[in-house]
């Protein structure tokens, strides 16, 4: 069965009861698999060794059928994507909430697992003379000759 790994459990205080309750309704994510929280609401990136060890325990068997739901501290999200990618040979599937459609968008990626020092040295330098910015994306593309 597929699993949805929520990076960090997010909580808020209920105004009526004063109790801590889930900040987000994740019921629509359940169609992708069983919801599993990786980290508690109090997890912080400043004790990275402990956080990374905990994420590694939870995500060590992340597989092709699993999803990451990127909720939480941005640093913790970065750690989780890196660990899930490592556990699954660079392959990750992510869910991103689309507030206009009120549904999740599926994002699939293959990330490099071990770039060699030689391949890093062979990468061409990127400059405004050889590349142009793609409007609205923050990306660069080769300039046409």
N, C-alpha and C. Protein backbone atom coordinates (compact mmCIF):
# COMPACT_ATOMS: atom_id res chain seq x y z
N UNK A 1 0.84 -1.19 0.00
CA UNK A 1 0.00 0.00 0.00
C UNK A 1 0.88 1.25 0.00
N UNK A 2 0.47 2.22 -0.74
CA UNK A 2 1.20 3.49 -0.79
C UNK A 2 1.10 4.23 0.53
N UNK A 3 2.12 5.06 0.77
CA UNK A 3 2.14 5.88 1.99
C UNK A 3 2.39 7.32 1.61
N UNK A 4 1.83 8.23 2.41
CA UNK A 4 2.06 9.66 2.24
C UNK A 4 2.81 10.13 3.48
N UNK A 5 4.06 10.47 3.29
CA UNK A 5 4.89 10.94 4.40
C UNK A 5 4.77 12.45 4.50
N UNK A 6 4.14 12.91 5.57
CA UNK A 6 4.00 14.34 5.84
C UNK A 6 5.25 14.75 6.61
N UNK A 7 6.01 15.69 6.07
CA UNK A 7 7.31 16.01 6.67
C UNK A 7 7.16 16.43 8.13
N UNK A 8 6.28 17.36 8.44
CA UNK A 8 6.15 17.83 9.82
C UNK A 8 4.68 18.03 10.17
N UNK A 9 4.28 17.48 11.28
CA UNK A 9 2.93 17.67 11.80
C UNK A 9 2.78 19.13 12.21
N UNK A 10 1.81 19.81 11.62
CA UNK A 10 1.58 21.22 11.92
C UNK A 10 0.33 21.34 12.79
N UNK A 11 0.43 22.07 13.88
CA UNK A 11 -0.69 22.22 14.82
C UNK A 11 -1.01 23.68 15.05
N UNK A 12 -2.26 23.92 15.44
CA UNK A 12 -2.70 25.25 15.85
C UNK A 12 -3.61 25.09 17.05
N UNK A 13 -3.81 26.16 17.79
CA UNK A 13 -4.67 26.12 18.96
C UNK A 13 -6.11 26.40 18.53
N UNK A 14 -7.03 25.51 18.91
CA UNK A 14 -8.45 25.69 18.62
C UNK A 14 -8.98 26.83 19.49
N UNK A 15 -9.66 27.79 18.87
CA UNK A 15 -10.12 28.98 19.60
C UNK A 15 -11.18 28.65 20.64
N UNK A 16 -12.00 27.65 20.38
CA UNK A 16 -13.07 27.31 21.32
C UNK A 16 -12.58 26.44 22.47
N UNK A 17 -11.86 25.37 22.13
CA UNK A 17 -11.45 24.41 23.17
C UNK A 17 -10.09 24.73 23.78
N UNK A 18 -9.26 25.48 23.04
CA UNK A 18 -7.91 25.76 23.52
C UNK A 18 -6.95 24.61 23.27
N UNK A 19 -7.42 23.52 22.68
CA UNK A 19 -6.58 22.36 22.42
C UNK A 19 -5.80 22.55 21.12
N UNK A 20 -4.67 21.84 21.02
CA UNK A 20 -3.91 21.84 19.77
C UNK A 20 -4.58 20.87 18.80
N UNK A 21 -4.86 21.37 17.61
CA UNK A 21 -5.50 20.55 16.58
C UNK A 21 -4.69 20.68 15.29
N UNK A 22 -4.94 19.76 14.37
CA UNK A 22 -4.22 19.78 13.10
C UNK A 22 -4.48 21.10 12.37
N UNK A 23 -3.43 21.68 11.83
CA UNK A 23 -3.54 22.95 11.13
C UNK A 23 -4.17 22.78 9.75
N UNK A 24 -3.97 21.61 9.14
CA UNK A 24 -4.46 21.35 7.79
C UNK A 24 -5.34 20.11 7.77
N UNK A 25 -6.36 20.14 6.95
CA UNK A 25 -7.20 18.96 6.70
C UNK A 25 -6.52 18.16 5.59
N UNK A 26 -5.98 17.01 5.94
CA UNK A 26 -5.24 16.20 4.98
C UNK A 26 -6.07 15.05 4.43
N UNK A 27 -7.38 15.11 4.63
CA UNK A 27 -8.23 13.99 4.21
C UNK A 27 -8.13 13.73 2.70
N UNK A 28 -7.96 14.77 1.88
CA UNK A 28 -7.85 14.54 0.43
C UNK A 28 -6.51 13.91 0.05
N UNK A 29 -5.53 13.95 0.94
CA UNK A 29 -4.25 13.28 0.67
C UNK A 29 -4.34 11.79 0.94
N UNK A 30 -5.36 11.37 1.69
CA UNK A 30 -5.50 9.96 2.04
C UNK A 30 -5.76 9.09 0.81
N UNK A 31 -6.24 9.67 -0.28
CA UNK A 31 -6.47 8.86 -1.49
C UNK A 31 -5.15 8.38 -2.09
N UNK A 32 -4.03 9.03 -1.70
CA UNK A 32 -2.71 8.64 -2.18
C UNK A 32 -2.06 7.56 -1.31
N UNK A 33 -2.59 7.35 -0.11
CA UNK A 33 -2.03 6.33 0.76
C UNK A 33 -2.20 6.68 2.23
N UNK A 34 -1.65 5.81 3.07
CA UNK A 34 -1.70 6.00 4.52
C UNK A 34 -0.86 7.21 4.92
N UNK A 35 -1.44 8.09 5.74
CA UNK A 35 -0.74 9.29 6.20
C UNK A 35 0.22 8.91 7.33
N UNK A 36 1.49 9.28 7.17
CA UNK A 36 2.52 9.04 8.19
C UNK A 36 3.24 10.35 8.43
N UNK A 37 3.25 10.80 9.69
CA UNK A 37 3.96 12.03 10.04
C UNK A 37 5.42 11.68 10.34
N UNK A 38 6.33 12.40 9.70
CA UNK A 38 7.76 12.16 9.91
C UNK A 38 8.27 12.83 11.18
N UNK A 39 7.85 14.07 11.44
CA UNK A 39 8.38 14.86 12.55
C UNK A 39 7.24 15.51 13.34
N UNK A 40 7.50 15.78 14.60
CA UNK A 40 6.53 16.45 15.47
C UNK A 40 6.49 17.95 15.17
N UNK A 41 5.46 18.63 15.68
CA UNK A 41 5.39 20.09 15.46
C UNK A 41 6.56 20.85 16.08
N UNK A 42 7.21 20.28 17.08
CA UNK A 42 8.30 20.98 17.77
C UNK A 42 9.67 20.75 17.14
N UNK A 43 9.76 19.90 16.12
CA UNK A 43 11.05 19.63 15.49
C UNK A 43 11.61 20.91 14.87
N UNK A 44 12.90 21.14 15.07
CA UNK A 44 13.58 22.32 14.54
C UNK A 44 14.88 21.90 13.88
N UNK A 45 15.32 22.62 12.85
CA UNK A 45 16.51 22.22 12.12
C UNK A 45 17.82 22.49 12.86
N UNK A 46 17.78 23.21 13.97
CA UNK A 46 19.01 23.60 14.66
C UNK A 46 19.72 22.41 15.30
N UNK A 47 18.99 21.36 15.62
CA UNK A 47 19.59 20.11 16.11
C UNK A 47 19.55 19.11 14.96
N UNK A 48 20.23 19.47 13.88
CA UNK A 48 20.08 18.72 12.63
C UNK A 48 20.46 17.25 12.74
N UNK A 49 21.44 16.90 13.59
CA UNK A 49 21.85 15.50 13.69
C UNK A 49 20.68 14.64 14.16
N UNK A 50 19.94 15.12 15.17
CA UNK A 50 18.81 14.36 15.71
C UNK A 50 17.66 14.31 14.71
N UNK A 51 17.40 15.42 14.06
CA UNK A 51 16.31 15.49 13.07
C UNK A 51 16.62 14.58 11.89
N UNK A 52 17.84 14.63 11.39
CA UNK A 52 18.22 13.80 10.24
C UNK A 52 18.16 12.32 10.61
N UNK A 53 18.59 11.98 11.81
CA UNK A 53 18.51 10.58 12.26
C UNK A 53 17.05 10.13 12.33
N UNK A 54 16.18 10.97 12.84
CA UNK A 54 14.76 10.63 12.93
C UNK A 54 14.13 10.48 11.55
N UNK A 55 14.42 11.42 10.65
CA UNK A 55 13.89 11.33 9.29
C UNK A 55 14.41 10.08 8.58
N UNK A 56 15.66 9.74 8.80
CA UNK A 56 16.24 8.54 8.17
C UNK A 56 15.54 7.28 8.66
N UNK A 57 15.21 7.22 9.96
CA UNK A 57 14.48 6.06 10.50
C UNK A 57 13.11 5.93 9.83
N UNK A 58 12.41 7.05 9.66
CA UNK A 58 11.06 7.02 9.10
C UNK A 58 11.08 6.77 7.59
N UNK A 59 12.04 7.36 6.89
CA UNK A 59 12.04 7.32 5.43
C UNK A 59 12.97 6.26 4.83
N UNK A 60 13.59 5.44 5.65
CA UNK A 60 14.61 4.50 5.16
C UNK A 60 14.09 3.53 4.11
N UNK A 61 12.77 3.24 4.13
CA UNK A 61 12.22 2.33 3.13
C UNK A 61 11.25 3.04 2.18
N UNK A 62 11.46 4.35 1.99
CA UNK A 62 10.67 5.13 1.03
C UNK A 62 10.84 4.48 -0.34
N UNK A 63 9.72 4.24 -1.04
CA UNK A 63 9.79 3.53 -2.31
C UNK A 63 9.02 4.22 -3.42
N UNK A 64 8.98 3.57 -4.57
CA UNK A 64 8.34 4.13 -5.76
C UNK A 64 6.84 4.38 -5.59
N UNK A 65 6.20 3.67 -4.68
CA UNK A 65 4.75 3.85 -4.46
C UNK A 65 4.43 4.93 -3.44
N UNK A 66 5.44 5.51 -2.81
CA UNK A 66 5.23 6.46 -1.72
C UNK A 66 5.26 7.91 -2.21
N UNK A 67 4.72 8.78 -1.37
CA UNK A 67 4.65 10.22 -1.65
C UNK A 67 5.20 11.00 -0.48
N UNK A 68 5.76 12.17 -0.75
CA UNK A 68 6.13 13.14 0.28
C UNK A 68 5.17 14.31 0.18
N UNK A 69 4.60 14.69 1.32
CA UNK A 69 3.75 15.87 1.39
C UNK A 69 4.56 16.94 2.12
N UNK A 70 4.92 18.00 1.40
CA UNK A 70 5.91 18.97 1.87
C UNK A 70 5.28 20.05 2.75
N UNK A 71 4.99 19.66 3.98
CA UNK A 71 4.43 20.57 4.98
C UNK A 71 5.44 20.68 6.11
N UNK A 72 5.73 21.92 6.54
CA UNK A 72 6.63 22.10 7.67
C UNK A 72 7.70 23.13 7.40
N UNK A 73 8.68 23.15 8.28
CA UNK A 73 9.81 24.05 8.18
C UNK A 73 10.57 23.77 6.87
N UNK A 74 10.90 24.80 6.09
CA UNK A 74 11.59 24.57 4.81
C UNK A 74 12.90 23.79 4.92
N UNK A 75 13.65 24.00 5.99
CA UNK A 75 14.90 23.24 6.16
C UNK A 75 14.60 21.76 6.36
N UNK A 76 13.58 21.47 7.16
CA UNK A 76 13.19 20.08 7.42
C UNK A 76 12.67 19.42 6.15
N UNK A 77 11.96 20.19 5.33
CA UNK A 77 11.47 19.68 4.05
C UNK A 77 12.66 19.31 3.16
N UNK A 78 13.68 20.18 3.13
CA UNK A 78 14.88 19.88 2.34
C UNK A 78 15.56 18.61 2.80
N UNK A 79 15.69 18.44 4.12
CA UNK A 79 16.28 17.21 4.66
C UNK A 79 15.47 16.00 4.21
N UNK A 80 14.14 16.08 4.32
CA UNK A 80 13.27 14.95 4.00
C UNK A 80 13.35 14.56 2.53
N UNK A 81 13.34 15.54 1.64
CA UNK A 81 13.44 15.23 0.21
C UNK A 81 14.77 14.56 -0.09
N UNK A 82 15.83 15.07 0.50
CA UNK A 82 17.16 14.49 0.29
C UNK A 82 17.21 13.04 0.77
N UNK A 83 16.68 12.78 1.95
CA UNK A 83 16.73 11.42 2.52
C UNK A 83 15.84 10.47 1.73
N UNK A 84 14.63 10.91 1.37
CA UNK A 84 13.74 10.05 0.58
C UNK A 84 14.37 9.72 -0.77
N UNK A 85 15.00 10.71 -1.40
CA UNK A 85 15.69 10.50 -2.66
C UNK A 85 16.82 9.49 -2.50
N UNK A 86 17.60 9.65 -1.47
CA UNK A 86 18.70 8.72 -1.18
C UNK A 86 18.17 7.30 -0.98
N UNK A 87 17.07 7.16 -0.25
CA UNK A 87 16.51 5.84 0.07
C UNK A 87 15.95 5.15 -1.17
N UNK A 88 15.59 5.92 -2.20
CA UNK A 88 14.92 5.34 -3.36
C UNK A 88 15.70 5.58 -4.66
N UNK A 89 17.00 5.62 -4.57
CA UNK A 89 17.83 5.72 -5.77
C UNK A 89 17.61 7.00 -6.57
N UNK A 90 17.25 8.09 -5.86
CA UNK A 90 17.07 9.38 -6.51
C UNK A 90 15.64 9.68 -6.92
N UNK A 91 14.75 8.69 -6.85
CA UNK A 91 13.37 8.88 -7.30
C UNK A 91 12.49 9.33 -6.13
N UNK A 92 11.74 10.42 -6.33
CA UNK A 92 10.79 10.90 -5.32
C UNK A 92 9.50 11.32 -6.01
N UNK A 93 8.41 11.16 -5.26
CA UNK A 93 7.11 11.65 -5.71
C UNK A 93 6.61 12.60 -4.63
N UNK A 94 6.19 13.78 -5.06
CA UNK A 94 5.79 14.84 -4.13
C UNK A 94 4.34 15.23 -4.39
N UNK A 95 3.67 15.67 -3.34
CA UNK A 95 2.32 16.21 -3.48
C UNK A 95 2.37 17.69 -3.12
N UNK A 96 1.80 18.51 -3.99
CA UNK A 96 1.73 19.95 -3.75
C UNK A 96 0.27 20.37 -3.83
N UNK A 97 -0.19 21.10 -2.81
CA UNK A 97 -1.56 21.57 -2.76
C UNK A 97 -1.79 22.67 -3.79
N UNK A 98 -2.87 22.54 -4.55
CA UNK A 98 -3.27 23.57 -5.50
C UNK A 98 -4.52 24.23 -4.94
N UNK A 99 -4.36 25.43 -4.40
CA UNK A 99 -5.46 26.14 -3.76
C UNK A 99 -6.56 26.56 -4.71
N UNK A 100 -6.25 26.64 -6.00
CA UNK A 100 -7.28 27.02 -6.98
C UNK A 100 -8.20 25.85 -7.30
N UNK A 101 -7.62 24.65 -7.39
CA UNK A 101 -8.40 23.45 -7.71
C UNK A 101 -8.82 22.67 -6.47
N UNK A 102 -8.31 23.06 -5.32
CA UNK A 102 -8.56 22.34 -4.06
C UNK A 102 -8.24 20.85 -4.20
N UNK A 103 -7.06 20.60 -4.75
CA UNK A 103 -6.61 19.22 -4.92
C UNK A 103 -5.08 19.22 -4.90
N UNK A 104 -4.52 18.02 -4.84
CA UNK A 104 -3.07 17.89 -4.86
C UNK A 104 -2.58 17.70 -6.29
N UNK A 105 -1.44 18.29 -6.58
CA UNK A 105 -0.74 18.09 -7.84
C UNK A 105 0.36 17.08 -7.58
N UNK A 106 0.52 16.16 -8.50
CA UNK A 106 1.57 15.14 -8.38
C UNK A 106 2.83 15.63 -9.08
N UNK A 107 3.94 15.56 -8.37
CA UNK A 107 5.24 15.95 -8.93
C UNK A 107 6.17 14.76 -8.78
N UNK A 108 6.75 14.35 -9.89
CA UNK A 108 7.69 13.22 -9.88
C UNK A 108 9.05 13.73 -10.32
N UNK A 109 10.09 13.30 -9.61
CA UNK A 109 11.44 13.78 -9.93
C UNK A 109 12.46 12.68 -9.73
N UNK A 110 13.51 12.76 -10.51
CA UNK A 110 14.68 11.91 -10.31
C UNK A 110 15.83 12.85 -10.01
N UNK A 111 16.35 12.75 -8.80
CA UNK A 111 17.43 13.63 -8.35
C UNK A 111 18.76 12.90 -8.43
N UNK A 112 19.84 13.61 -8.69
CA UNK A 112 21.15 12.94 -8.71
C UNK A 112 21.47 12.41 -7.32
N UNK A 113 22.06 11.23 -7.28
CA UNK A 113 22.39 10.64 -5.99
C UNK A 113 23.84 10.86 -5.60
N UNK A 114 24.75 10.81 -6.56
CA UNK A 114 26.16 11.01 -6.25
C UNK A 114 26.87 11.67 -7.43
N UNK A 115 26.79 12.99 -7.54
CA UNK A 115 27.54 13.60 -8.64
C UNK A 115 29.04 13.45 -8.39
N UNK A 116 29.74 13.01 -9.41
CA UNK A 116 31.18 12.83 -9.24
C UNK A 116 31.88 14.17 -9.34
N UNK A 117 33.03 14.25 -8.73
CA UNK A 117 33.81 15.49 -8.78
C UNK A 117 34.16 15.83 -10.22
N UNK A 118 34.43 14.82 -11.03
CA UNK A 118 34.78 15.05 -12.44
C UNK A 118 33.62 15.68 -13.19
N UNK A 119 32.38 15.18 -12.96
CA UNK A 119 31.25 15.73 -13.70
C UNK A 119 30.96 17.16 -13.26
N UNK A 120 31.23 17.49 -12.02
CA UNK A 120 31.04 18.86 -11.56
C UNK A 120 32.03 19.80 -12.23
N UNK A 121 33.25 19.33 -12.44
CA UNK A 121 34.27 20.15 -13.08
C UNK A 121 33.96 20.35 -14.56
N UNK A 122 33.27 19.40 -15.18
CA UNK A 122 32.96 19.47 -16.61
C UNK A 122 31.74 20.33 -16.91
N UNK A 123 31.00 20.73 -15.90
CA UNK A 123 29.79 21.51 -16.14
C UNK A 123 30.16 22.88 -16.70
N UNK A 124 29.46 23.32 -17.75
CA UNK A 124 29.79 24.63 -18.32
C UNK A 124 29.38 25.75 -17.38
N UNK A 125 30.12 26.82 -17.45
CA UNK A 125 29.79 28.00 -16.65
C UNK A 125 28.55 28.66 -17.25
N UNK A 126 27.67 29.12 -16.39
CA UNK A 126 26.44 29.77 -16.84
C UNK A 126 26.63 31.27 -16.74
N UNK A 127 26.37 31.95 -17.84
CA UNK A 127 26.47 33.41 -17.83
C UNK A 127 25.33 33.99 -18.65
N UNK A 128 25.10 35.29 -18.50
CA UNK A 128 24.06 35.96 -19.26
C UNK A 128 24.40 36.01 -20.75
N UNK A 129 25.70 35.84 -21.09
CA UNK A 129 26.07 35.85 -22.50
C UNK A 129 25.70 34.56 -23.20
N UNK A 130 25.68 33.44 -22.46
CA UNK A 130 25.38 32.15 -23.08
C UNK A 130 23.97 31.67 -22.77
N UNK A 131 23.30 32.30 -21.81
CA UNK A 131 21.96 31.84 -21.39
C UNK A 131 21.00 33.01 -21.28
N UNK A 132 19.73 32.72 -21.43
CA UNK A 132 18.69 33.73 -21.24
C UNK A 132 17.76 33.27 -20.13
N UNK A 133 17.16 34.22 -19.45
CA UNK A 133 16.21 33.90 -18.39
C UNK A 133 14.85 33.60 -19.00
N UNK A 134 14.19 32.56 -18.48
CA UNK A 134 12.84 32.22 -18.94
C UNK A 134 11.88 33.01 -18.05
N UNK A 135 11.14 33.96 -18.61
CA UNK A 135 10.27 34.82 -17.80
C UNK A 135 9.31 34.02 -16.92
N UNK A 136 9.20 34.46 -15.67
CA UNK A 136 8.25 33.88 -14.75
C UNK A 136 8.64 32.56 -14.13
N UNK A 137 9.85 32.05 -14.44
CA UNK A 137 10.22 30.73 -13.91
C UNK A 137 11.45 30.75 -13.02
N UNK A 138 12.30 31.76 -13.15
CA UNK A 138 13.55 31.75 -12.41
C UNK A 138 14.57 30.81 -13.03
N UNK A 139 14.30 30.28 -14.23
CA UNK A 139 15.19 29.32 -14.88
C UNK A 139 15.98 29.99 -15.99
N UNK A 140 17.08 29.33 -16.36
CA UNK A 140 17.91 29.79 -17.47
C UNK A 140 17.82 28.78 -18.60
N UNK A 141 17.93 29.24 -19.83
CA UNK A 141 17.95 28.36 -21.00
C UNK A 141 19.08 28.82 -21.92
N UNK A 142 19.57 27.91 -22.77
CA UNK A 142 20.59 28.26 -23.75
C UNK A 142 20.05 29.35 -24.67
N UNK A 143 20.91 30.32 -25.00
CA UNK A 143 20.53 31.33 -25.99
C UNK A 143 20.57 30.68 -27.37
N UNK A 144 19.61 31.04 -28.18
CA UNK A 144 19.58 30.53 -29.56
C UNK A 144 20.65 31.27 -30.36
N UNK A 145 21.30 30.55 -31.23
CA UNK A 145 22.34 31.17 -32.09
C UNK A 145 21.73 32.03 -33.15
